[in-house]
Amino acid sequence: MAPFGVRCGVPLEQFLEPTAGEPANGADLKRLATVQTFGAAWPRSEVLDTRTRALVSVAEAARDQEPGGTSGS
């Protein structure tokens, strides 16, 4: 699979593999949701300007690194 995006410097593909307890088609849903979020919708500059998108990305990365923060949501 060709890389379609990177989140906080980490390739997204590693998060698309099925995990324990997920149905067989769970990976398909994760792939679709991830591609739509990071590959199709996020780059649309007519919705959010570059500065606002950068601020959202930094805030999310900071939240994910905070002790006790909820990572990945």
C-alpha atoms as a PDB file:
ATOM      1  CA  MET A   1       0.000   0.000   0.000  1.00  0.00           C
ATOM      2  CA  ALA A   2       1.330   3.410  -0.918  1.00  0.00           C
ATOM      3  CA  PRO A   3       1.530   5.863   1.975  1.00  0.00           C
ATOM      4  CA  PHE A   4      -1.364   8.297   1.894  1.00  0.00           C
ATOM      5  CA  GLY A   5      -0.536  10.429   4.884  1.00  0.00           C
ATOM      6  CA  VAL A   6       1.483  10.994   7.988  1.00  0.00           C
ATOM      7  CA  ARG A   7       0.121  12.004  11.384  1.00  0.00           C
ATOM      8  CA  CYS A   8       2.553  13.750  13.720  1.00  0.00           C
ATOM      9  CA  GLY A   9       5.491  12.319  11.772  1.00  0.00           C
ATOM     10  CA  VAL A  10       4.279   8.714  12.081  1.00  0.00           C
ATOM     11  CA  PRO A  11       3.030   6.757   9.038  1.00  0.00           C
ATOM     12  CA  LEU A  12      -0.702   6.113   9.389  1.00  0.00           C
ATOM     13  CA  GLU A  13      -0.567   2.636   7.868  1.00  0.00           C
ATOM     14  CA  GLN A  14       0.476   1.079  11.198  1.00  0.00           C
ATOM     15  CA  PHE A  15      -2.879   2.081  12.714  1.00  0.00           C
ATOM     16  CA  LEU A  16      -4.905   0.408   9.972  1.00  0.00           C
ATOM     17  CA  GLU A  17      -4.132  -3.199  10.854  1.00  0.00           C
ATOM     18  CA  PRO A  18      -6.954  -5.086  12.594  1.00  0.00           C
ATOM     19  CA  THR A  19      -6.599  -5.406  16.351  1.00  0.00           C
ATOM     20  CA  ALA A  20      -7.773  -8.133  18.698  1.00  0.00           C
ATOM     21  CA  GLY A  21     -11.538  -8.354  18.920  1.00  0.00           C
ATOM     22  CA  GLU A  22     -12.269  -6.423  15.726  1.00  0.00           C
ATOM     23  CA  PRO A  23     -14.397  -7.982  13.006  1.00  0.00           C
ATOM     24  CA  ALA A  24     -12.681  -8.931   9.752  1.00  0.00           C
ATOM     25  CA  ASN A  25     -14.060  -5.866   7.957  1.00  0.00           C
ATOM     26  CA  GLY A  26     -12.890  -3.500  10.723  1.00  0.00           C
ATOM     27  CA  ALA A  27      -9.675  -2.766   8.834  1.00  0.00           C
ATOM     28  CA  ASP A  28     -11.715  -1.676   5.799  1.00  0.00           C
ATOM     29  CA  LEU A  29     -13.654   0.834   7.893  1.00  0.00           C
ATOM     30  CA  LYS A  30     -10.483   2.168   9.545  1.00  0.00           C
ATOM     31  CA  ARG A  31      -8.808   2.566   6.150  1.00  0.00           C
ATOM     32  CA  LEU A  32     -11.802   4.409   4.671  1.00  0.00           C
ATOM     33  CA  ALA A  33     -12.149   6.722   7.682  1.00  0.00           C
ATOM     34  CA  THR A  34      -8.420   7.486   7.790  1.00  0.00           C
ATOM     35  CA  VAL A  35      -8.115   8.148   4.063  1.00  0.00           C
ATOM     36  CA  GLN A  36     -11.157  10.431   4.116  1.00  0.00           C
ATOM     37  CA  THR A  37      -9.959  12.337   7.184  1.00  0.00           C
ATOM     38  CA  PHE A  38      -6.279  12.769   6.394  1.00  0.00           C
ATOM     39  CA  GLY A  39      -6.120  12.157   2.656  1.00  0.00           C
ATOM     40  CA  ALA A  40      -9.214  13.843   1.261  1.00  0.00           C
ATOM     41  CA  ALA A  41     -10.849  16.273   3.680  1.00  0.00           C
ATOM     42  CA  TRP A  42      -7.921  17.695   5.659  1.00  0.00           C
ATOM     43  CA  PRO A  43      -5.996  19.249   2.732  1.00  0.00           C
ATOM     44  CA  ARG A  44      -9.013  21.294   1.550  1.00  0.00           C
ATOM     45  CA  SER A  45      -7.800  24.842   2.097  1.00  0.00           C
ATOM     46  CA  GLU A  46     -11.187  26.368   1.214  1.00  0.00           C
ATOM     47  CA  VAL A  47     -12.551  25.033   4.522  1.00  0.00           C
ATOM     48  CA  LEU A  48      -9.661  25.777   6.894  1.00  0.00           C
ATOM     49  CA  ASP A  49      -6.684  27.959   6.086  1.00  0.00           C
ATOM     50  CA  THR A  50      -3.171  26.595   6.529  1.00  0.00           C
ATOM     51  CA  ARG A  51      -2.574  28.474   9.795  1.00  0.00           C
ATOM     52  CA  THR A  52      -5.748  27.083  11.413  1.00  0.00           C
ATOM     53  CA  ARG A  53      -4.986  23.517  10.271  1.00  0.00           C
ATOM     54  CA  ALA A  54      -1.467  23.833  11.681  1.00  0.00           C
ATOM     55  CA  LEU A  55      -2.864  25.044  15.017  1.00  0.00           C
ATOM     56  CA  VAL A  56      -5.267  22.092  15.179  1.00  0.00           C
ATOM     57  CA  SER A  57      -2.426  19.669  14.383  1.00  0.00           C
ATOM     58  CA  VAL A  58      -0.162  21.131  17.073  1.00  0.00           C
ATOM     59  CA  ALA A  59      -2.966  21.109  19.657  1.00  0.00           C
ATOM     60  CA  GLU A  60      -3.781  17.477  18.890  1.00  0.00           C
ATOM     61  CA  ALA A  61      -0.134  16.441  19.081  1.00  0.00           C
ATOM     62  CA  ALA A  62       0.282  18.266  22.410  1.00  0.00           C
ATOM     63  CA  ARG A  63      -2.844  16.640  23.822  1.00  0.00           C
ATOM     64  CA  ASP A  64      -1.622  13.200  22.765  1.00  0.00           C
ATOM     65  CA  GLN A  65       1.701  13.780  24.556  1.00  0.00           C
ATOM     66  CA  GLU A  66       0.152  15.071  27.776  1.00  0.00           C
ATOM     67  CA  PRO A  67       0.319  12.636  30.733  1.00  0.00           C
ATOM     68  CA  GLY A  68      -3.122  11.200  31.241  1.00  0.00           C
ATOM     69  CA  GLY A  69      -4.297  12.476  27.840  1.00  0.00           C
ATOM     70  CA  THR A  70      -6.352  10.314  25.549  1.00  0.00           C
ATOM     71  CA  SER A  71      -4.141   9.242  22.697  1.00  0.00           C
ATOM     72  CA  GLY A  72      -5.601   8.448  19.293  1.00  0.00           C
ATOM     73  CA  SER A  73      -9.040   9.996  19.622  1.00  0.00           C
END
